[in-house]
PDB file of N, CA and C in Angstrom:
ATOM      1  N   MET A   1       9.578  16.056   0.687  1.00  0.00           N
ATOM      2  CA  MET A   1       8.652  15.178   1.387  1.00  0.00           C
ATOM      3  C   MET A   1       7.714  15.747   2.770  1.00  0.00           C
ATOM      4  N   LYS A   2       6.594  15.844   2.783  1.00  0.00           N
ATOM      5  CA  LYS A   2       5.329  16.236   3.643  1.00  0.00           C
ATOM      6  C   LYS A   2       5.991  15.521   5.032  1.00  0.00           C
ATOM      7  N   THR A   3       6.363  16.083   6.302  1.00  0.00           N
ATOM      8  CA  THR A   3       6.221  15.412   7.569  1.00  0.00           C
ATOM      9  C   THR A   3       4.547  15.427   7.771  1.00  0.00           C
ATOM     10  N   ARG A   4       4.284  13.996   8.333  1.00  0.00           N
ATOM     11  CA  ARG A   4       3.076  13.430   8.977  1.00  0.00           C
ATOM     12  C   ARG A   4       2.775  14.182  10.765  1.00  0.00           C
ATOM     13  N   GLN A   5       1.671  15.084  10.545  1.00  0.00           N
ATOM     14  CA  GLN A   5       1.564  14.983  12.168  1.00  0.00           C
ATOM     15  C   GLN A   5       1.325  13.935  12.816  1.00  0.00           C
ATOM     16  N   THR A   6       2.062  13.980  14.058  1.00  0.00           N
ATOM     17  CA  THR A   6       1.645  12.654  15.200  1.00  0.00           C
ATOM     18  C   THR A   6       0.179  12.707  15.230  1.00  0.00           C
ATOM     19  N   ASP A   7      -0.259  11.493  16.101  1.00  0.00           N
ATOM     20  CA  ASP A   7      -1.519  11.918  16.356  1.00  0.00           C
ATOM     21  C   ASP A   7      -1.659  12.682  17.848  1.00  0.00           C
ATOM     22  N   ILE A   8      -1.019  13.027  18.800  1.00  0.00           N
ATOM     23  CA  ILE A   8      -0.698  13.909  19.695  1.00  0.00           C
ATOM     24  C   ILE A   8      -1.450  15.505  19.087  1.00  0.00           C
ATOM     25  N   ASP A   9      -0.444  15.761  17.990  1.00  0.00           N
ATOM     26  CA  ASP A   9      -0.401  17.196  17.651  1.00  0.00           C
ATOM     27  C   ASP A   9      -1.975  16.891  16.215  1.00  0.00           C
ATOM     28  N   ILE A  10      -2.299  16.356  16.083  1.00  0.00           N
ATOM     29  CA  ILE A  10      -4.292  16.077  15.113  1.00  0.00           C
ATOM     30  C   ILE A  10      -5.212  15.800  16.910  1.00  0.00           C
ATOM     31  N   GLN A  11      -4.795  15.208  17.537  1.00  0.00           N
ATOM     32  CA  GLN A  11      -6.043  15.262  18.597  1.00  0.00           C
ATOM     33  C   GLN A  11      -6.105  17.060  19.212  1.00  0.00           C
ATOM     34  N   ALA A  12      -4.389  17.192  19.195  1.00  0.00           N
ATOM     35  CA  ALA A  12      -4.751  18.705  20.146  1.00  0.00           C
ATOM     36  C   ALA A  12      -5.384  19.613  18.893  1.00  0.00           C
ATOM     37  N   ASN A  13      -5.046  19.540  17.477  1.00  0.00           N
ATOM     38  CA  ASN A  13      -6.163  20.498  16.976  1.00  0.00           C
ATOM     39  C   ASN A  13      -7.291  20.369  16.728  1.00  0.00           C
ATOM     40  N   LEU A  14      -8.151  18.931  16.772  1.00  0.00           N
ATOM     41  CA  LEU A  14      -9.020  18.540  16.922  1.00  0.00           C
ATOM     42  C   LEU A  14      -9.812  19.706  17.765  1.00  0.00           C
ATOM     43  N   LYS A  15      -8.754  19.220  19.050  1.00  0.00           N
ATOM     44  CA  LYS A  15      -9.656  20.177  20.459  1.00  0.00           C
ATOM     45  C   LYS A  15     -10.089  21.341  20.333  1.00  0.00           C
ATOM     46  N   GLU A  16      -8.699  21.941  19.408  1.00  0.00           N
ATOM     47  CA  GLU A  16      -8.581  23.507  19.924  1.00  0.00           C
ATOM     48  C   GLU A  16     -10.080  23.727  18.553  1.00  0.00           C
ATOM     49  N   LEU A  17      -9.730  22.962  17.266  1.00  0.00           N
ATOM     50  CA  LEU A  17     -11.392  23.538  16.707  1.00  0.00           C
ATOM     51  C   LEU A  17     -13.199  23.145  17.315  1.00  0.00           C
ATOM     52  N   ALA A  18     -12.824  22.344  17.761  1.00  0.00           N
ATOM     53  CA  ALA A  18     -14.011  21.988  18.775  1.00  0.00           C
ATOM     54  C   ALA A  18     -14.231  23.438  19.602  1.00  0.00           C
ATOM     55  N   THR A  19     -13.282  24.221  20.298  1.00  0.00           N
ATOM     56  CA  THR A  19     -13.499  25.112  20.803  1.00  0.00           C
ATOM     57  C   THR A  19     -14.485  26.290  20.139  1.00  0.00           C
ATOM     58  N   LEU A  20     -13.893  26.586  18.933  1.00  0.00           N
ATOM     59  CA  LEU A  20     -14.035  27.544  18.051  1.00  0.00           C
ATOM     60  C   LEU A  20     -15.398  27.574  18.048  1.00  0.00           C
ATOM     61  N   ALA A  21     -15.990  28.590  17.641  1.00  0.00           N
ATOM     62  CA  ALA A  21     -17.661  28.413  16.688  1.00  0.00           C
ATOM     63  C   ALA A  21     -17.404  28.233  15.475  1.00  0.00           C
ATOM     64  N   ASP A  22     -18.874  28.051  14.704  1.00  0.00           N
ATOM     65  CA  ASP A  22     -18.651  27.116  13.297  1.00  0.00           C
ATOM     66  C   ASP A  22     -17.672  28.409  12.385  1.00  0.00           C
ATOM     67  N   ASP A  23     -18.208  29.094  12.776  1.00  0.00           N
ATOM     68  CA  ASP A  23     -17.731  30.429  11.733  1.00  0.00           C
ATOM     69  C   ASP A  23     -16.531  31.232  12.221  1.00  0.00           C
ATOM     70  N   GLN A  24     -15.894  30.751  12.866  1.00  0.00           N
ATOM     71  CA  GLN A  24     -14.433  31.117  13.101  1.00  0.00           C
ATOM     72  C   GLN A  24     -13.518  30.184  12.693  1.00  0.00           C
ATOM     73  N   ILE A  25     -14.136  29.257  11.836  1.00  0.00           N
ATOM     74  CA  ILE A  25     -13.127  27.806  11.578  1.00  0.00           C
ATOM     75  C   ILE A  25     -12.970  28.265   9.907  1.00  0.00           C
ATOM     76  N   ASP A  26     -11.601  28.229   9.596  1.00  0.00           N
ATOM     77  CA  ASP A  26     -11.474  28.911   8.352  1.00  0.00           C
ATOM     78  C   ASP A  26     -11.105  27.271   7.207  1.00  0.00           C
ATOM     79  N   THR A  27     -12.761  27.462   6.105  1.00  0.00           N
ATOM     80  CA  THR A  27     -12.648  26.257   5.144  1.00  0.00           C
ATOM     81  C   THR A  27     -12.572  26.626   3.787  1.00  0.00           C
ATOM     82  N   SER A  28     -11.861  27.671   3.840  1.00  0.00           N
ATOM     83  CA  SER A  28     -11.381  27.728   2.406  1.00  0.00           C
ATOM     84  C   SER A  28     -10.901  26.856   1.707  1.00  0.00           C
ATOM     85  N   ASP A  29     -10.334  26.243   1.966  1.00  0.00           N
ATOM     86  CA  ASP A  29      -8.945  24.997   1.532  1.00  0.00           C
ATOM     87  C   ASP A  29     -10.032  23.747   1.359  1.00  0.00           C
ATOM     88  N   GLN A  30     -10.745  23.842   1.660  1.00  0.00           N
ATOM     89  CA  GLN A  30     -12.314  23.264   1.261  1.00  0.00           C
ATOM     90  C   GLN A  30     -13.086  23.087   0.762  1.00  0.00           C
ATOM     91  N   PRO A  31     -13.106  22.697  -0.969  1.00  0.00           N
ATOM     92  CA  PRO A  31     -14.580  23.743  -1.606  1.00  0.00           C
ATOM     93  C   PRO A  31     -15.562  23.197  -1.177  1.00  0.00           C
ATOM     94  N   GLU A  32     -16.438  23.855  -1.499  1.00  0.00           N
ATOM     95  CA  GLU A  32     -18.017  22.852  -0.287  1.00  0.00           C
ATOM     96  C   GLU A  32     -18.900  22.136  -2.258  1.00  0.00           C
ATOM     97  N   ILE A  33     -18.922  21.613  -1.795  1.00  0.00           N
ATOM     98  CA  ILE A  33     -20.207  19.806  -2.809  1.00  0.00           C
ATOM     99  C   ILE A  33     -21.158  20.428  -3.068  1.00  0.00           C
ATOM    100  N   GLN A  34     -21.438  20.708  -4.048  1.00  0.00           N
ATOM    101  CA  GLN A  34     -22.505  21.236  -4.567  1.00  0.00           C
ATOM    102  C   GLN A  34     -23.014  19.880  -5.261  1.00  0.00           C
ATOM    103  N   ASP A  35     -22.366  19.324  -6.324  1.00  0.00           N
ATOM    104  CA  ASP A  35     -23.475  17.793  -6.849  1.00  0.00           C
ATOM    105  C   ASP A  35     -23.076  16.871  -6.322  1.00  0.00           C
ATOM    106  N   PHE A  36     -24.388  16.659  -5.808  1.00  0.00           N
ATOM    107  CA  PHE A  36     -24.560  15.051  -4.647  1.00  0.00           C
ATOM    108  C   PHE A  36     -25.193  14.169  -5.613  1.00  0.00           C
ATOM    109  N   SER A  37     -25.290  14.062  -6.677  1.00  0.00           N
ATOM    110  CA  SER A  37     -25.527  13.772  -8.143  1.00  0.00           C
ATOM    111  C   SER A  37     -25.110  11.947  -7.891  1.00  0.00           C
ATOM    112  N   ARG A  38     -23.922  11.782  -7.391  1.00  0.00           N
ATOM    113  CA  ARG A  38     -23.077  10.301  -7.449  1.00  0.00           C
ATOM    114  C   ARG A  38     -23.652   9.986  -5.674  1.00  0.00           C
ATOM    115  N   ALA A  39     -23.867  10.251  -5.298  1.00  0.00           N
ATOM    116  CA  ALA A  39     -24.117  10.333  -3.362  1.00  0.00           C
ATOM    117  C   ALA A  39     -24.917   8.931  -3.449  1.00  0.00           C
ATOM    118  N   GLN A  40     -24.687   8.320  -2.197  1.00  0.00           N
ATOM    119  CA  GLN A  40     -24.928   6.579  -1.920  1.00  0.00           C
ATOM    120  C   GLN A  40     -26.032   7.196  -0.757  1.00  0.00           C
ATOM    121  N   ILE A  41     -26.905   6.895  -0.987  1.00  0.00           N
ATOM    122  CA  ILE A  41     -27.965   7.594   0.570  1.00  0.00           C
ATOM    123  C   ILE A  41     -27.854   5.956   1.145  1.00  0.00           C
ATOM    124  N   GLY A  42     -27.341   6.453   2.554  1.00  0.00           N
ATOM    125  CA  GLY A  42     -26.908   4.639   3.234  1.00  0.00           C
ATOM    126  C   GLY A  42     -25.958   4.105   3.222  1.00  0.00           C
ATOM    127  N   LYS A  43     -24.539   4.556   2.496  1.00  0.00           N
ATOM    128  CA  LYS A  43     -23.867   3.966   2.246  1.00  0.00           C
ATOM    129  C   LYS A  43     -22.778   3.269   3.605  1.00  0.00           C
ATOM    130  N   PHE A  44     -23.386   4.215   4.655  1.00  0.00           N
ATOM    131  CA  PHE A  44     -22.435   3.697   5.910  1.00  0.00           C
ATOM    132  C   PHE A  44     -23.015   3.131   7.333  1.00  0.00           C
ATOM    133  N   TYR A  45     -25.033   3.131   6.463  1.00  0.00           N
ATOM    134  CA  TYR A  45     -26.044   2.766   7.768  1.00  0.00           C
ATOM    135  C   TYR A  45     -26.094   1.351   7.772  1.00  0.00           C
ATOM    136  N   ARG A  46     -25.985   0.851   9.019  1.00  0.00           N
ATOM    137  CA  ARG A  46     -25.843  -0.432   9.127  1.00  0.00           C
ATOM    138  C   ARG A  46     -26.818  -0.859   9.892  1.00  0.00           C
ATOM    139  N   PRO A  47     -28.077  -1.560  10.203  1.00  0.00           N
ATOM    140  CA  PRO A  47     -29.131  -1.463  10.990  1.00  0.00           C
ATOM    141  C   PRO A  47     -28.582  -2.363  12.040  1.00  0.00           C
ATOM    142  N   VAL A  48     -28.832  -2.520  13.337  1.00  0.00           N
ATOM    143  CA  VAL A  48     -28.415  -3.544  14.200  1.00  0.00           C
ATOM    144  C   VAL A  48     -29.370  -4.979  13.876  1.00  0.00           C
ATOM    145  N   LYS A  49     -28.507  -5.979  13.998  1.00  0.00           N
ATOM    146  CA  LYS A  49     -29.017  -6.986  13.907  1.00  0.00           C
ATOM    147  C   LYS A  49     -29.168  -7.744  15.284  1.00  0.00           C
ATOM    148  N   GLN A  50     -30.069  -8.712  14.761  1.00  0.00           N
ATOM    149  CA  GLN A  50     -30.463  -9.321  16.216  1.00  0.00           C
ATOM    150  C   GLN A  50     -30.834 -10.446  15.735  1.00  0.00           C
ATOM    151  N   GLN A  51     -30.213 -11.413  16.597  1.00  0.00           N
ATOM    152  CA  GLN A  51     -30.245 -13.077  16.029  1.00  0.00           C
ATOM    153  C   GLN A  51     -31.600 -13.563  16.404  1.00  0.00           C
ATOM    154  N   VAL A  52     -32.388 -14.191  15.851  1.00  0.00           N
ATOM    155  CA  VAL A  52     -33.177 -15.109  16.472  1.00  0.00           C
ATOM    156  C   VAL A  52     -33.783 -16.392  15.921  1.00  0.00           C
ATOM    157  N   THR A  53     -34.331 -16.795  16.380  1.00  0.00           N
ATOM    158  CA  THR A  53     -34.951 -18.549  15.645  1.00  0.00           C
ATOM    159  C   THR A  53     -35.602 -18.359  15.067  1.00  0.00           C
ATOM    160  N   LEU A  54     -35.608 -18.896  13.940  1.00  0.00           N
ATOM    161  CA  LEU A  54     -36.706 -18.478  12.901  1.00  0.00           C
ATOM    162  C   LEU A  54     -37.012 -20.323  11.926  1.00  0.00           C
ATOM    163  N   ARG A  55     -38.621 -20.494  11.984  1.00  0.00           N
ATOM    164  CA  ARG A  55     -38.998 -21.777  10.775  1.00  0.00           C
ATOM    165  C   ARG A  55     -39.095 -21.343   9.941  1.00  0.00           C
ATOM    166  N   LEU A  56     -38.479 -21.651   8.830  1.00  0.00           N
ATOM    167  CA  LEU A  56     -38.946 -21.842   7.176  1.00  0.00           C
ATOM    168  C   LEU A  56     -39.658 -23.222   6.627  1.00  0.00           C
ATOM    169  N   ASP A  57     -40.175 -22.763   5.581  1.00  0.00           N
ATOM    170  CA  ASP A  57     -40.191 -24.078   5.232  1.00  0.00           C
ATOM    171  C   ASP A  57     -38.819 -24.923   4.510  1.00  0.00           C
ATOM    172  N   ALA A  58     -38.733 -25.705   4.383  1.00  0.00           N
ATOM    173  CA  ALA A  58     -37.884 -26.251   3.654  1.00  0.00           C
ATOM    174  C   ALA A  58     -37.084 -26.366   2.656  1.00  0.00           C
ATOM    175  N   ASP A  59     -38.329 -26.164   1.629  1.00  0.00           N
ATOM    176  CA  ASP A  59     -38.395 -25.458   0.319  1.00  0.00           C
ATOM    177  C   ASP A  59     -38.081 -24.126  -0.085  1.00  0.00           C
ATOM    178  N   LEU A  60     -38.418 -23.465   0.813  1.00  0.00           N
ATOM    179  CA  LEU A  60     -37.837 -21.806   0.956  1.00  0.00           C
ATOM    180  C   LEU A  60     -36.947 -21.327   1.209  1.00  0.00           C
ATOM    181  N   LEU A  61     -35.685 -22.528   1.995  1.00  0.00           N
ATOM    182  CA  LEU A  61     -35.013 -22.497   2.799  1.00  0.00           C
ATOM    183  C   LEU A  61     -33.809 -22.953   1.661  1.00  0.00           C
ATOM    184  N   ALA A  62     -34.186 -24.371   1.189  1.00  0.00           N
ATOM    185  CA  ALA A  62     -33.205 -24.550   0.047  1.00  0.00           C
ATOM    186  C   ALA A  62     -33.378 -23.753  -1.076  1.00  0.00           C
ATOM    187  N   TRP A  63     -33.941 -23.004  -1.387  1.00  0.00           N
ATOM    188  CA  TRP A  63     -34.231 -22.113  -2.469  1.00  0.00           C
ATOM    189  C   TRP A  63     -33.233 -21.064  -2.203  1.00  0.00           C
ATOM    190  N   PHE A  64     -33.212 -20.419  -1.304  1.00  0.00           N
ATOM    191  CA  PHE A  64     -32.588 -19.382  -0.538  1.00  0.00           C
ATOM    192  C   PHE A  64     -30.738 -19.921  -0.461  1.00  0.00           C
ATOM    193  N   ARG A  65     -30.499 -21.406  -0.380  1.00  0.00           N
ATOM    194  CA  ARG A  65     -29.269 -21.936  -0.157  1.00  0.00           C
ATOM    195  C   ARG A  65     -28.555 -22.016  -1.586  1.00  0.00           C
ATOM    196  N   GLY A  66     -29.960 -22.292  -2.449  1.00  0.00           N
ATOM    197  CA  GLY A  66     -29.130 -22.316  -3.919  1.00  0.00           C
ATOM    198  C   GLY A  66     -28.874 -21.382  -4.623  1.00  0.00           C
ATOM    199  N   GLN A  67     -29.190 -19.594  -3.758  1.00  0.00           N
ATOM    200  CA  GLN A  67     -29.078 -18.646  -4.698  1.00  0.00           C
ATOM    201  C   GLN A  67     -27.356 -18.733  -4.655  1.00  0.00           C
ATOM    202  N   GLY A  68     -26.601 -19.600  -3.555  1.00  0.00           N
ATOM    203  CA  GLY A  68     -25.099 -18.815  -3.558  1.00  0.00           C
ATOM    204  C   GLY A  68     -25.197 -17.769  -2.691  1.00  0.00           C
ATOM    205  N   GLY A  69     -23.996 -17.849  -1.519  1.00  0.00           N
ATOM    206  CA  GLY A  69     -23.765 -17.724  -0.514  1.00  0.00           C
ATOM    207  C   GLY A  69     -24.371 -16.850  -0.161  1.00  0.00           C
ATOM    208  N   LYS A  70     -24.398 -16.380   1.600  1.00  0.00           N
ATOM    209  CA  LYS A  70     -24.817 -15.358   2.373  1.00  0.00           C
ATOM    210  C   LYS A  70     -26.576 -15.315   2.338  1.00  0.00           C
ATOM    211  N   TYR A  71     -26.872 -16.227   2.279  1.00  0.00           N
ATOM    212  CA  TYR A  71     -28.391 -16.365   1.993  1.00  0.00           C
ATOM    213  C   TYR A  71     -29.020 -15.652   3.162  1.00  0.00           C
ATOM    214  N   GLN A  72     -28.411 -16.173   4.360  1.00  0.00           N
ATOM    215  CA  GLN A  72     -29.712 -15.449   5.311  1.00  0.00           C
ATOM    216  C   GLN A  72     -29.499 -14.111   5.054  1.00  0.00           C
ATOM    217  N   THR A  73     -28.335 -13.130   4.323  1.00  0.00           N
ATOM    218  CA  THR A  73     -28.888 -11.748   3.940  1.00  0.00           C
ATOM    219  C   THR A  73     -29.816 -11.292   3.190  1.00  0.00           C
ATOM    220  N   LYS A  74     -29.808 -12.555   1.795  1.00  0.00           N
ATOM    221  CA  LYS A  74     -30.888 -12.324   1.311  1.00  0.00           C
ATOM    222  C   LYS A  74     -32.229 -12.436   1.770  1.00  0.00           C
ATOM    223  N   ILE A  75     -32.524 -13.553   2.566  1.00  0.00           N
ATOM    224  CA  ILE A  75     -33.473 -13.444   2.966  1.00  0.00           C
ATOM    225  C   ILE A  75     -34.045 -11.973   3.903  1.00  0.00           C
ATOM    226  N   ASN A  76     -33.021 -11.915   4.778  1.00  0.00           N
ATOM    227  CA  ASN A  76     -33.407 -10.510   5.398  1.00  0.00           C
ATOM    228  C   ASN A  76     -34.013  -9.365   4.472  1.00  0.00           C
ATOM    229  N   ALA A  77     -32.966  -9.224   3.036  1.00  0.00           N
ATOM    230  CA  ALA A  77     -33.494  -7.939   2.374  1.00  0.00           C
ATOM    231  C   ALA A  77     -34.618  -8.500   1.671  1.00  0.00           C
ATOM    232  N   ALA A  78     -34.928  -9.642   1.524  1.00  0.00           N
ATOM    233  CA  ALA A  78     -36.139 -10.209   1.074  1.00  0.00           C
ATOM    234  C   ALA A  78     -37.409 -10.047   1.874  1.00  0.00           C
ATOM    235  N   LEU A  79     -37.299  -9.813   3.219  1.00  0.00           N
ATOM    236  CA  LEU A  79     -37.951  -9.817   4.532  1.00  0.00           C
ATOM    237  C   LEU A  79     -38.460  -7.554   4.056  1.00  0.00           C
ATOM    238  N   ARG A  80     -36.921  -7.033   4.186  1.00  0.00           N
ATOM    239  CA  ARG A  80     -37.255  -5.812   4.221  1.00  0.00           C
ATOM    240  C   ARG A  80     -37.928  -5.052   2.921  1.00  0.00           C
ATOM    241  N   GLU A  81     -37.899  -5.745   1.589  1.00  0.00           N
ATOM    242  CA  GLU A  81     -38.691  -5.235   0.578  1.00  0.00           C
ATOM    243  C   GLU A  81     -39.910  -5.682   0.535  1.00  0.00           C
ATOM    244  N   PHE A  82     -40.421  -6.854   1.600  1.00  0.00           N
ATOM    245  CA  PHE A  82     -42.179  -6.842   1.843  1.00  0.00           C
ATOM    246  C   PHE A  82     -42.083  -5.861   2.711  1.00  0.00           C
ATOM    247  N   MET A  83     -41.462  -5.530   3.850  1.00  0.00           N
ATOM    248  CA  MET A  83     -41.866  -4.848   4.439  1.00  0.00           C
ATOM    249  C   MET A  83     -42.036  -3.292   4.507  1.00  0.00           C
ATOM    250  N   GLU A  84     -41.592  -3.093   2.828  1.00  0.00           N
ATOM    251  CA  GLU A  84     -41.148  -1.588   3.112  1.00  0.00           C
ATOM    252  C   GLU A  84     -42.241  -1.088   2.028  1.00  0.00           C
ATOM    253  N   SER A  85     -42.685  -2.528   1.344  1.00  0.00           N
ATOM    254  CA  SER A  85     -44.014  -2.098   0.183  1.00  0.00           C
ATOM    255  C   SER A  85     -44.880  -2.288   0.958  1.00  0.00           C
ATOM    256  N   HIS A  86     -44.723  -2.871   1.983  1.00  0.00           N
ATOM    257  CA  HIS A  86     -46.418  -2.802   2.745  1.00  0.00           C
ATOM    258  C   HIS A  86     -46.406  -1.543   3.469  1.00  0.00           C
ATOM    259  N   ALA A  87     -45.424  -1.293   3.738  1.00  0.00           N
ATOM    260  CA  ALA A  87     -45.897   0.203   4.718  1.00  0.00           C
ATOM    261  C   ALA A  87     -45.859   1.485   4.136  1.00  0.00           C
ATOM    262  N   LYS A  88     -45.769   1.104   2.728  1.00  0.00           N
ATOM    263  CA  LYS A  88     -46.181   1.935   2.131  1.00  0.00           C
ATOM    264  C   LYS A  88     -47.435   2.597   1.543  1.00  0.00           C
ATOM    265  N   MET A  89     -48.165   1.013   1.500  1.00  0.00           N
ATOM    266  CA  MET A  89     -49.700   0.952   1.604  1.00  0.00           C
ATOM    267  C   MET A  89     -50.530   1.490   2.306  1.00  0.00           C
ATOM    268  N   ARG A  90     -50.103   1.560   3.905  1.00  0.00           N
ATOM    269  CA  ARG A  90     -50.841   2.283   4.887  1.00  0.00           C
ATOM    270  C   ARG A  90     -50.875   3.458   4.775  1.00  0.00           C
TER     271      ARG A  90
END
């Protein structure tokens, strides 16, 4: 059974690595990834949200709520799709 490094050991190693130039760091045990076909763009990107007060037509709001949970997220996605389609036109 391998022993785990303590957080202090890990932090010390990271500080030591930070002082080295990139070409001095041995990455031979880490194979280079050359196939990005399964990569997901923006997987960890989360845009900053801003709370606003917005008046919507009652039937529009009822429709989004009727689609199931997270209706605000769905409204945001619809607005983003609209914005992106119009940004491409310009």
